[in-house]
């Protein structure tokens, strides 16, 4: 009798196991990113072509906002485990101030602009860079800029051209929350 009940329940158990696996595959990738906070948590992440990229330096990525040679320069760069060919991406300004609540258009990397960029590699010896421009643009929103505690937080999105394939790389749902040097 117990054997018959087990045989009757076996298809149901297999179906439930299959459904669980299927549900895991449909987890929203945004849920895998760290939350968008404003506490100096040491996070930098985004979805790159729909896949989570989370900085793997343990929060020790380079972030600064400094006055140099007559202008302000902001920069934050994250390092990722190589998934596809994008190894790192960055956001910055060239001789341009930033302020809390400001929406910055990411354009060419030139004086007076904000920009996004990335380093792409095929192997350990081949590295190419790509930056936002007139065709590949984006936005950076500074959600917190605290000069007393040196905290900067923001959200962003932008597109880049993969220099090896010519394909568009979409960076979405980006967020950072970290300390910066002045």
N, C-alpha and C. Protein backbone atom coordinates (compact mmCIF):
# COMPACT_ATOMS: atom_id res chain seq x y z
N UNK A 1 0.82 -1.19 0.00
CA UNK A 1 0.00 0.00 0.00
C UNK A 1 0.87 1.26 0.00
N UNK A 2 1.91 1.29 0.87
CA UNK A 2 2.79 2.45 0.93
C UNK A 2 3.49 2.66 -0.40
N UNK A 3 3.86 1.55 -1.05
CA UNK A 3 4.54 1.64 -2.34
C UNK A 3 3.61 2.26 -3.38
N UNK A 4 2.33 1.90 -3.38
CA UNK A 4 1.36 2.44 -4.32
C UNK A 4 1.16 3.94 -4.10
N UNK A 5 1.08 4.38 -2.85
CA UNK A 5 0.92 5.80 -2.54
C UNK A 5 2.15 6.57 -3.02
N UNK A 6 3.33 6.01 -2.79
CA UNK A 6 4.56 6.66 -3.25
C UNK A 6 4.57 6.80 -4.77
N UNK A 7 4.17 5.75 -5.48
CA UNK A 7 4.14 5.81 -6.94
C UNK A 7 3.12 6.83 -7.43
N UNK A 8 2.02 6.98 -6.70
CA UNK A 8 1.02 7.99 -7.07
C UNK A 8 1.53 9.41 -6.81
N UNK A 9 2.29 9.58 -5.75
CA UNK A 9 2.79 10.91 -5.38
C UNK A 9 4.05 11.31 -6.15
N UNK A 10 4.76 10.34 -6.71
CA UNK A 10 6.02 10.63 -7.39
C UNK A 10 5.87 11.66 -8.51
N UNK A 11 4.88 11.53 -9.41
CA UNK A 11 4.73 12.57 -10.46
C UNK A 11 4.48 13.96 -9.88
N UNK A 12 3.68 14.02 -8.80
CA UNK A 12 3.41 15.32 -8.16
C UNK A 12 4.69 15.92 -7.58
N UNK A 13 5.49 15.11 -6.92
CA UNK A 13 6.75 15.59 -6.35
C UNK A 13 7.70 16.07 -7.44
N UNK A 14 7.79 15.32 -8.53
CA UNK A 14 8.65 15.73 -9.64
C UNK A 14 8.18 17.03 -10.27
N UNK A 15 6.87 17.18 -10.38
CA UNK A 15 6.31 18.41 -10.93
C UNK A 15 6.63 19.60 -10.03
N UNK A 16 6.46 19.42 -8.71
CA UNK A 16 6.77 20.50 -7.78
C UNK A 16 8.25 20.86 -7.82
N UNK A 17 9.11 19.88 -7.90
CA UNK A 17 10.55 20.15 -7.99
C UNK A 17 10.87 20.91 -9.26
N UNK A 18 10.24 20.53 -10.36
CA UNK A 18 10.46 21.23 -11.63
C UNK A 18 9.93 22.65 -11.57
N UNK A 19 8.79 22.85 -10.94
CA UNK A 19 8.22 24.20 -10.83
C UNK A 19 9.11 25.10 -9.99
N UNK A 20 9.67 24.60 -8.93
CA UNK A 20 10.57 25.39 -8.09
C UNK A 20 11.77 25.85 -8.89
N UNK A 21 12.36 24.93 -9.66
CA UNK A 21 13.52 25.28 -10.48
C UNK A 21 13.14 26.34 -11.51
N UNK A 22 11.97 26.20 -12.12
CA UNK A 22 11.51 27.16 -13.11
C UNK A 22 11.31 28.54 -12.48
N UNK A 23 10.75 28.58 -11.27
CA UNK A 23 10.55 29.86 -10.58
C UNK A 23 11.89 30.54 -10.31
N UNK A 24 12.91 29.79 -9.92
CA UNK A 24 14.24 30.36 -9.65
C UNK A 24 14.82 31.00 -10.90
N UNK A 25 14.54 30.41 -12.06
CA UNK A 25 15.08 30.95 -13.30
C UNK A 25 14.40 32.26 -13.69
N UNK A 26 13.23 32.55 -13.12
CA UNK A 26 12.50 33.76 -13.46
C UNK A 26 12.63 34.83 -12.38
N UNK A 27 13.61 34.71 -11.49
CA UNK A 27 13.85 35.73 -10.49
C UNK A 27 14.23 37.02 -11.20
N UNK A 28 13.67 38.12 -10.76
CA UNK A 28 13.97 39.42 -11.34
C UNK A 28 15.43 39.77 -11.08
N UNK A 29 16.25 40.03 -12.12
CA UNK A 29 17.67 40.34 -11.91
C UNK A 29 17.90 41.58 -11.05
N UNK A 30 16.96 42.53 -11.07
CA UNK A 30 17.11 43.73 -10.23
C UNK A 30 17.16 43.34 -8.76
N UNK A 31 16.42 42.29 -8.39
CA UNK A 31 16.41 41.84 -7.00
C UNK A 31 17.77 41.31 -6.55
N UNK A 32 18.65 40.98 -7.49
CA UNK A 32 19.97 40.48 -7.15
C UNK A 32 20.97 41.61 -6.89
N UNK A 33 20.61 42.84 -7.23
CA UNK A 33 21.48 43.98 -7.00
C UNK A 33 21.35 44.45 -5.55
N UNK A 34 22.41 45.08 -5.01
CA UNK A 34 22.26 45.66 -3.67
C UNK A 34 21.22 46.78 -3.72
N UNK A 35 20.57 47.06 -2.60
CA UNK A 35 19.55 48.11 -2.61
C UNK A 35 20.18 49.48 -2.87
N UNK A 36 19.37 50.39 -3.39
CA UNK A 36 19.82 51.77 -3.62
C UNK A 36 19.72 52.51 -2.28
N UNK A 37 20.85 52.65 -1.60
CA UNK A 37 20.89 53.27 -0.28
C UNK A 37 21.64 54.60 -0.35
N UNK A 38 21.67 55.31 0.78
CA UNK A 38 22.35 56.60 0.86
C UNK A 38 23.10 56.72 2.18
N UNK A 39 23.82 55.66 2.55
CA UNK A 39 24.49 55.61 3.85
C UNK A 39 26.01 55.48 3.75
N UNK A 40 26.55 55.44 2.55
CA UNK A 40 27.98 55.18 2.38
C UNK A 40 28.29 53.70 2.47
N UNK A 41 27.36 52.87 2.01
CA UNK A 41 27.44 51.41 2.18
C UNK A 41 28.56 50.74 1.38
N UNK A 42 29.18 51.44 0.43
CA UNK A 42 30.25 50.82 -0.35
C UNK A 42 29.73 49.90 -1.43
N UNK A 43 28.68 50.32 -2.14
CA UNK A 43 28.11 49.49 -3.19
C UNK A 43 28.20 50.19 -4.55
N UNK A 44 28.33 49.39 -5.60
CA UNK A 44 28.34 49.87 -6.98
C UNK A 44 27.91 48.71 -7.84
N UNK A 45 26.76 48.84 -8.52
CA UNK A 45 26.21 47.71 -9.27
C UNK A 45 25.25 48.20 -10.34
N UNK A 46 24.96 47.32 -11.30
CA UNK A 46 24.00 47.61 -12.36
C UNK A 46 23.67 46.31 -13.08
N UNK A 47 22.66 46.37 -13.91
CA UNK A 47 22.37 45.28 -14.84
C UNK A 47 23.08 45.61 -16.14
N UNK A 48 23.86 44.68 -16.64
CA UNK A 48 24.54 44.85 -17.93
C UNK A 48 23.94 43.82 -18.87
N UNK A 49 23.24 44.32 -19.87
CA UNK A 49 22.48 43.47 -20.79
C UNK A 49 21.60 42.48 -20.00
N UNK A 50 20.97 42.99 -18.93
CA UNK A 50 20.03 42.20 -18.14
C UNK A 50 20.64 41.32 -17.08
N UNK A 51 21.99 41.29 -16.98
CA UNK A 51 22.65 40.44 -15.99
C UNK A 51 23.27 41.31 -14.90
N UNK A 52 23.17 40.87 -13.63
CA UNK A 52 23.71 41.66 -12.54
C UNK A 52 25.24 41.75 -12.59
N UNK A 53 25.75 42.97 -12.50
CA UNK A 53 27.18 43.23 -12.32
C UNK A 53 27.31 43.95 -10.99
N UNK A 54 28.00 43.34 -10.07
CA UNK A 54 28.19 43.90 -8.74
C UNK A 54 29.67 44.02 -8.50
N UNK A 55 30.10 45.20 -8.05
CA UNK A 55 31.53 45.42 -7.80
C UNK A 55 32.04 44.35 -6.84
N UNK A 56 33.19 43.78 -7.19
CA UNK A 56 33.77 42.72 -6.39
C UNK A 56 35.03 43.14 -5.65
N UNK A 57 35.22 44.44 -5.47
CA UNK A 57 36.41 44.90 -4.75
C UNK A 57 36.12 45.07 -3.26
N UNK A 58 34.94 44.71 -2.83
CA UNK A 58 34.61 44.82 -1.41
C UNK A 58 34.37 46.27 -0.98
N UNK A 59 33.95 47.12 -1.89
CA UNK A 59 33.68 48.51 -1.54
C UNK A 59 34.89 49.42 -1.58
N UNK A 60 36.00 48.91 -2.08
CA UNK A 60 37.22 49.71 -2.14
C UNK A 60 37.47 50.27 -3.53
N UNK A 61 36.43 50.41 -4.32
CA UNK A 61 36.59 50.99 -5.64
C UNK A 61 36.96 52.46 -5.50
N UNK A 62 37.52 53.00 -6.54
CA UNK A 62 37.99 54.38 -6.52
C UNK A 62 36.82 55.34 -6.73
N UNK A 63 36.59 56.23 -5.80
CA UNK A 63 35.57 57.26 -5.95
C UNK A 63 36.13 58.56 -5.41
N UNK A 64 36.08 59.61 -6.23
CA UNK A 64 36.55 60.91 -5.77
C UNK A 64 35.73 62.03 -6.38
N UNK A 65 35.74 63.16 -5.69
CA UNK A 65 35.17 64.40 -6.20
C UNK A 65 36.14 65.48 -5.77
N UNK A 66 36.94 65.95 -6.71
CA UNK A 66 38.05 66.84 -6.38
C UNK A 66 38.13 68.04 -7.31
N UNK A 67 38.67 69.11 -6.76
CA UNK A 67 38.93 70.33 -7.53
C UNK A 67 40.37 70.24 -8.02
N UNK A 68 40.56 70.19 -9.34
CA UNK A 68 41.89 70.04 -9.93
C UNK A 68 42.00 70.99 -11.13
N UNK A 69 43.07 71.75 -11.18
CA UNK A 69 43.35 72.62 -12.33
C UNK A 69 42.15 73.47 -12.77
N UNK A 70 41.46 74.06 -11.80
CA UNK A 70 40.38 74.98 -12.11
C UNK A 70 39.02 74.36 -12.35
N UNK A 71 38.86 73.07 -12.12
CA UNK A 71 37.56 72.43 -12.32
C UNK A 71 37.35 71.26 -11.39
N UNK A 72 36.09 70.90 -11.21
CA UNK A 72 35.74 69.75 -10.38
C UNK A 72 35.65 68.49 -11.23
N UNK A 73 36.16 67.39 -10.67
CA UNK A 73 36.16 66.10 -11.34
C UNK A 73 35.58 65.06 -10.39
N UNK A 74 34.53 64.40 -10.87
CA UNK A 74 33.92 63.29 -10.13
C UNK A 74 34.23 62.02 -10.89
N UNK A 75 34.51 60.94 -10.17
CA UNK A 75 34.74 59.66 -10.82
C UNK A 75 34.44 58.53 -9.85
N UNK A 76 33.77 57.52 -10.37
CA UNK A 76 33.57 56.27 -9.64
C UNK A 76 33.72 55.13 -10.64
N UNK A 77 34.43 54.10 -10.23
CA UNK A 77 34.70 52.98 -11.12
C UNK A 77 34.56 51.68 -10.34
N UNK A 78 33.85 50.72 -10.92
CA UNK A 78 33.69 49.41 -10.32
C UNK A 78 34.42 48.35 -11.12
N UNK A 79 34.86 47.32 -10.43
CA UNK A 79 35.56 46.20 -11.06
C UNK A 79 34.68 44.97 -10.89
N UNK A 80 34.56 44.20 -11.97
CA UNK A 80 33.64 43.08 -11.97
C UNK A 80 34.35 41.81 -12.40
N UNK A 81 33.78 40.68 -12.00
CA UNK A 81 34.27 39.42 -12.53
C UNK A 81 33.84 39.37 -13.98
N UNK A 82 34.75 38.98 -14.83
CA UNK A 82 34.49 39.03 -16.27
C UNK A 82 33.32 38.12 -16.64
N UNK A 83 32.22 38.74 -17.06
CA UNK A 83 31.03 38.05 -17.58
C UNK A 83 30.78 38.69 -18.93
N UNK A 84 30.98 38.04 -19.98
CA UNK A 84 31.02 38.59 -21.33
C UNK A 84 32.40 39.21 -21.50
N UNK A 85 32.47 40.45 -21.97
CA UNK A 85 33.79 41.08 -22.15
C UNK A 85 33.94 42.35 -21.35
N UNK A 86 32.89 42.84 -20.68
CA UNK A 86 32.98 44.08 -19.91
C UNK A 86 33.56 43.78 -18.54
N UNK A 87 34.75 44.35 -18.27
CA UNK A 87 35.45 44.09 -17.00
C UNK A 87 35.19 45.15 -15.96
N UNK A 88 35.02 46.39 -16.40
CA UNK A 88 34.84 47.51 -15.49
C UNK A 88 34.05 48.59 -16.19
N UNK A 89 33.31 49.37 -15.43
CA UNK A 89 32.74 50.57 -16.01
C UNK A 89 32.79 51.69 -14.99
N UNK A 90 32.69 52.91 -15.51
CA UNK A 90 32.89 54.10 -14.68
C UNK A 90 31.92 55.19 -15.08
N UNK A 91 31.76 56.13 -14.16
CA UNK A 91 31.00 57.35 -14.38
C UNK A 91 31.89 58.50 -13.95
N UNK A 92 31.78 59.63 -14.62
CA UNK A 92 32.60 60.76 -14.21
C UNK A 92 32.16 62.07 -14.80
N UNK A 93 32.83 63.12 -14.36
CA UNK A 93 32.66 64.45 -14.94
C UNK A 93 34.03 65.01 -15.27
N UNK A 94 34.06 65.89 -16.26
CA UNK A 94 35.29 66.57 -16.67
C UNK A 94 35.08 68.07 -16.44
N UNK A 95 35.72 68.60 -15.40
CA UNK A 95 35.62 70.03 -15.09
C UNK A 95 34.16 70.45 -15.01
N UNK A 96 33.39 69.70 -14.19
CA UNK A 96 31.96 69.96 -14.03
C UNK A 96 31.56 69.63 -12.60
N UNK A 97 30.85 70.54 -11.97
CA UNK A 97 30.39 70.30 -10.61
C UNK A 97 29.19 69.36 -10.63
N UNK A 98 28.96 68.72 -9.49
CA UNK A 98 27.77 67.89 -9.30
C UNK A 98 27.06 68.40 -8.05
N UNK A 99 25.77 68.14 -7.97
CA UNK A 99 25.01 68.53 -6.78
C UNK A 99 23.90 67.53 -6.52
N UNK A 100 23.49 67.46 -5.26
CA UNK A 100 22.44 66.53 -4.87
C UNK A 100 21.15 66.85 -5.61
N UNK A 101 20.50 65.82 -6.12
CA UNK A 101 19.24 65.98 -6.85
C UNK A 101 19.42 66.29 -8.32
N UNK A 102 20.65 66.47 -8.76
CA UNK A 102 20.92 66.84 -10.14
C UNK A 102 20.85 65.62 -11.06
N UNK A 103 20.28 65.83 -12.25
CA UNK A 103 20.26 64.82 -13.30
C UNK A 103 21.29 65.24 -14.34
N UNK A 104 22.31 64.43 -14.53
CA UNK A 104 23.38 64.72 -15.49
C UNK A 104 23.22 63.84 -16.72
N UNK A 105 23.25 64.45 -17.89
CA UNK A 105 23.24 63.71 -19.14
C UNK A 105 24.65 63.16 -19.38
N UNK A 106 24.76 61.88 -19.69
CA UNK A 106 26.06 61.27 -19.96
C UNK A 106 26.33 61.37 -21.46
N UNK A 107 27.35 62.15 -21.79
CA UNK A 107 27.68 62.45 -23.18
C UNK A 107 29.14 62.12 -23.45
N UNK A 108 29.77 62.86 -24.36
CA UNK A 108 31.19 62.64 -24.69
C UNK A 108 32.06 62.96 -23.47
N UNK A 109 33.19 62.30 -23.40
CA UNK A 109 34.14 62.56 -22.33
C UNK A 109 35.00 63.76 -22.73
N UNK A 110 34.48 64.96 -22.38
CA UNK A 110 35.18 66.19 -22.68
C UNK A 110 34.83 67.23 -21.61
N UNK A 111 35.59 68.29 -21.55
CA UNK A 111 35.41 69.32 -20.53
C UNK A 111 33.97 69.83 -20.50
N UNK A 112 33.43 69.93 -19.29
CA UNK A 112 32.07 70.42 -19.10
C UNK A 112 31.00 69.35 -19.16
N UNK A 113 31.38 68.11 -19.40
CA UNK A 113 30.41 67.02 -19.54
C UNK A 113 30.51 66.00 -18.42
N UNK A 114 29.42 65.26 -18.26
CA UNK A 114 29.42 64.01 -17.50
C UNK A 114 29.45 62.89 -18.53
N UNK A 115 30.00 61.74 -18.15
CA UNK A 115 30.18 60.64 -19.10
C UNK A 115 30.08 59.29 -18.39
N UNK A 116 29.89 58.26 -19.18
CA UNK A 116 29.97 56.87 -18.72
C UNK A 116 30.95 56.16 -19.63
N UNK A 117 31.61 55.16 -19.12
CA UNK A 117 32.57 54.42 -19.94
C UNK A 117 32.81 53.03 -19.41
N UNK A 118 33.48 52.22 -20.23
CA UNK A 118 33.77 50.86 -19.83
C UNK A 118 35.02 50.33 -20.49
N UNK A 119 35.63 49.35 -19.85
CA UNK A 119 36.80 48.66 -20.39
C UNK A 119 36.37 47.25 -20.78
N UNK A 120 36.64 46.90 -22.02
CA UNK A 120 36.27 45.60 -22.57
C UNK A 120 37.54 44.81 -22.86
N UNK A 121 37.50 43.50 -22.62
CA UNK A 121 38.67 42.68 -22.94
C UNK A 121 38.23 41.38 -23.59
N UNK A 122 39.09 40.92 -24.49
CA UNK A 122 38.89 39.60 -25.09
C UNK A 122 39.71 38.56 -24.34
N UNK A 123 40.87 38.99 -23.86
CA UNK A 123 41.76 38.13 -23.09
C UNK A 123 42.64 39.03 -22.24
N UNK A 124 43.58 38.46 -21.54
CA UNK A 124 44.42 39.21 -20.61
C UNK A 124 45.29 40.27 -21.30
N UNK A 125 45.53 40.11 -22.59
CA UNK A 125 46.41 41.03 -23.32
C UNK A 125 45.66 42.03 -24.21
N UNK A 126 44.34 41.94 -24.29
CA UNK A 126 43.59 42.78 -25.21
C UNK A 126 42.54 43.57 -24.44
N UNK A 127 42.70 44.90 -24.40
CA UNK A 127 41.80 45.78 -23.66
C UNK A 127 41.45 46.98 -24.53
N UNK A 128 40.15 47.27 -24.63
CA UNK A 128 39.66 48.43 -25.39
C UNK A 128 38.66 49.19 -24.52
N UNK A 129 38.60 50.51 -24.73
CA UNK A 129 37.70 51.36 -23.96
C UNK A 129 36.58 51.89 -24.84
N UNK A 130 35.44 52.15 -24.22
CA UNK A 130 34.30 52.73 -24.91
C UNK A 130 33.66 53.75 -23.96
N UNK A 131 33.20 54.87 -24.53
CA UNK A 131 32.59 55.93 -23.73
C UNK A 131 31.27 56.36 -24.34
N UNK A 132 30.41 56.97 -23.51
CA UNK A 132 29.19 57.54 -24.03
C UNK A 132 29.54 58.63 -25.04
N UNK A 133 28.59 58.88 -25.94
CA UNK A 133 28.80 59.91 -26.96
C UNK A 133 27.42 60.38 -27.43
N UNK A 134 27.33 60.98 -28.60
CA UNK A 134 26.04 61.49 -29.09
C UNK A 134 25.04 60.36 -29.34
N UNK A 135 25.50 59.19 -29.77
CA UNK A 135 24.61 58.07 -30.04
C UNK A 135 24.37 57.20 -28.81
N UNK A 136 25.40 56.96 -28.04
CA UNK A 136 25.32 56.11 -26.85
C UNK A 136 25.34 57.02 -25.63
N UNK A 137 24.16 57.29 -25.06
CA UNK A 137 24.03 58.27 -23.99
C UNK A 137 23.50 57.60 -22.72
N UNK A 138 23.19 58.41 -21.74
CA UNK A 138 22.61 57.92 -20.51
C UNK A 138 22.37 59.04 -19.54
N UNK A 139 22.05 58.67 -18.28
CA UNK A 139 21.79 59.64 -17.22
C UNK A 139 22.42 59.19 -15.92
N UNK A 140 22.86 60.15 -15.15
CA UNK A 140 23.36 59.94 -13.80
C UNK A 140 22.57 60.88 -12.90
N UNK A 141 21.97 60.35 -11.85
CA UNK A 141 21.25 61.16 -10.88
C UNK A 141 21.98 61.06 -9.55
N UNK A 142 22.44 62.20 -9.05
CA UNK A 142 23.09 62.25 -7.74
C UNK A 142 21.99 62.35 -6.69
N UNK A 143 21.78 61.28 -5.93
CA UNK A 143 20.70 61.25 -4.94
C UNK A 143 21.14 61.75 -3.58
N UNK A 144 22.45 61.70 -3.31
CA UNK A 144 22.98 62.24 -2.05
C UNK A 144 24.40 62.70 -2.28
N UNK A 145 24.73 63.89 -1.77
CA UNK A 145 26.09 64.41 -1.81
C UNK A 145 26.32 65.10 -0.48
N UNK A 146 27.00 64.42 0.42
CA UNK A 146 27.21 64.85 1.79
C UNK A 146 28.70 65.15 1.99
N UNK A 147 29.05 66.44 2.06
CA UNK A 147 30.46 66.83 2.20
C UNK A 147 30.98 66.66 3.63
N UNK A 148 30.10 66.59 4.61
CA UNK A 148 30.54 66.39 6.01
C UNK A 148 31.01 64.95 6.22
N UNK A 149 30.21 63.99 5.73
CA UNK A 149 30.55 62.57 5.90
C UNK A 149 31.17 61.96 4.65
N UNK A 150 31.37 62.76 3.59
CA UNK A 150 31.95 62.30 2.32
C UNK A 150 31.20 61.12 1.72
N UNK A 151 29.87 61.23 1.70
CA UNK A 151 29.02 60.19 1.11
C UNK A 151 28.47 60.70 -0.21
N UNK A 152 28.56 59.88 -1.24
CA UNK A 152 27.91 60.18 -2.51
C UNK A 152 27.12 58.94 -2.93
N UNK A 153 25.88 59.17 -3.35
CA UNK A 153 25.01 58.09 -3.80
C UNK A 153 24.33 58.54 -5.09
N UNK A 154 23.98 57.57 -5.91
CA UNK A 154 23.30 57.92 -7.14
C UNK A 154 22.75 56.71 -7.86
N UNK A 155 22.00 57.01 -8.91
CA UNK A 155 21.48 56.00 -9.82
C UNK A 155 21.88 56.39 -11.23
N UNK A 156 21.92 55.42 -12.12
CA UNK A 156 22.37 55.71 -13.48
C UNK A 156 21.92 54.64 -14.46
N UNK A 157 21.97 55.02 -15.72
CA UNK A 157 21.83 54.09 -16.84
C UNK A 157 22.61 54.69 -18.00
N UNK A 158 23.15 53.86 -18.85
CA UNK A 158 23.77 54.34 -20.08
C UNK A 158 24.04 53.18 -21.02
N UNK A 159 24.34 53.53 -22.27
CA UNK A 159 24.68 52.56 -23.30
C UNK A 159 26.12 52.78 -23.74
N UNK A 160 26.75 51.71 -24.13
CA UNK A 160 28.10 51.75 -24.71
C UNK A 160 28.12 50.89 -25.96
N UNK A 161 29.09 51.16 -26.81
CA UNK A 161 29.32 50.28 -27.95
C UNK A 161 30.45 49.32 -27.59
N UNK A 162 30.20 48.03 -27.75
CA UNK A 162 31.27 47.05 -27.54
C UNK A 162 32.28 47.25 -28.68
N UNK A 163 33.53 47.64 -28.36
CA UNK A 163 34.49 47.94 -29.41
C UNK A 163 34.92 46.72 -30.23
N UNK A 164 34.67 45.52 -29.74
CA UNK A 164 35.06 44.31 -30.47
C UNK A 164 33.96 43.83 -31.42
N UNK A 165 32.70 44.03 -31.02
CA UNK A 165 31.60 43.49 -31.82
C UNK A 165 30.75 44.57 -32.49
N UNK A 166 30.84 45.80 -31.99
CA UNK A 166 29.99 46.87 -32.50
C UNK A 166 28.58 46.83 -31.94
N UNK A 167 28.28 45.88 -31.05
CA UNK A 167 26.94 45.75 -30.48
C UNK A 167 26.73 46.75 -29.35
N UNK A 168 25.47 47.12 -29.13
CA UNK A 168 25.09 48.01 -28.03
C UNK A 168 25.10 47.22 -26.73
N UNK A 169 25.72 47.77 -25.71
CA UNK A 169 25.72 47.20 -24.37
C UNK A 169 24.85 48.12 -23.51
N UNK A 170 23.81 47.55 -22.89
CA UNK A 170 22.87 48.33 -22.09
C UNK A 170 23.17 48.16 -20.61
N UNK A 171 23.48 49.27 -19.96
CA UNK A 171 23.73 49.29 -18.51
C UNK A 171 22.52 49.97 -17.89
N UNK A 172 21.77 49.22 -17.07
CA UNK A 172 20.51 49.71 -16.53
C UNK A 172 20.44 49.48 -15.03
N UNK A 173 19.50 50.18 -14.39
CA UNK A 173 19.23 50.02 -12.95
C UNK A 173 20.48 50.23 -12.10
N UNK A 174 21.42 51.04 -12.58
CA UNK A 174 22.67 51.26 -11.84
C UNK A 174 22.45 52.03 -10.56
N UNK A 175 23.28 51.69 -9.57
CA UNK A 175 23.22 52.40 -8.29
C UNK A 175 24.57 52.32 -7.62
N UNK A 176 24.90 53.36 -6.87
CA UNK A 176 26.11 53.37 -6.06
C UNK A 176 25.84 54.14 -4.78
N UNK A 177 26.56 53.78 -3.74
CA UNK A 177 26.46 54.43 -2.45
C UNK A 177 27.79 54.22 -1.76
N UNK A 178 28.59 55.27 -1.67
CA UNK A 178 29.95 55.08 -1.17
C UNK A 178 30.51 56.34 -0.56
N UNK A 179 31.67 56.20 0.02
CA UNK A 179 32.44 57.34 0.50
C UNK A 179 33.31 57.83 -0.66
N UNK A 180 33.60 59.12 -0.67
CA UNK A 180 34.46 59.67 -1.69
C UNK A 180 35.58 60.48 -1.06
N UNK A 181 36.68 60.60 -1.78
CA UNK A 181 37.78 61.46 -1.33
C UNK A 181 37.64 62.82 -2.00
N UNK A 182 38.10 63.84 -1.27
CA UNK A 182 38.05 65.21 -1.79
C UNK A 182 39.44 65.68 -2.14
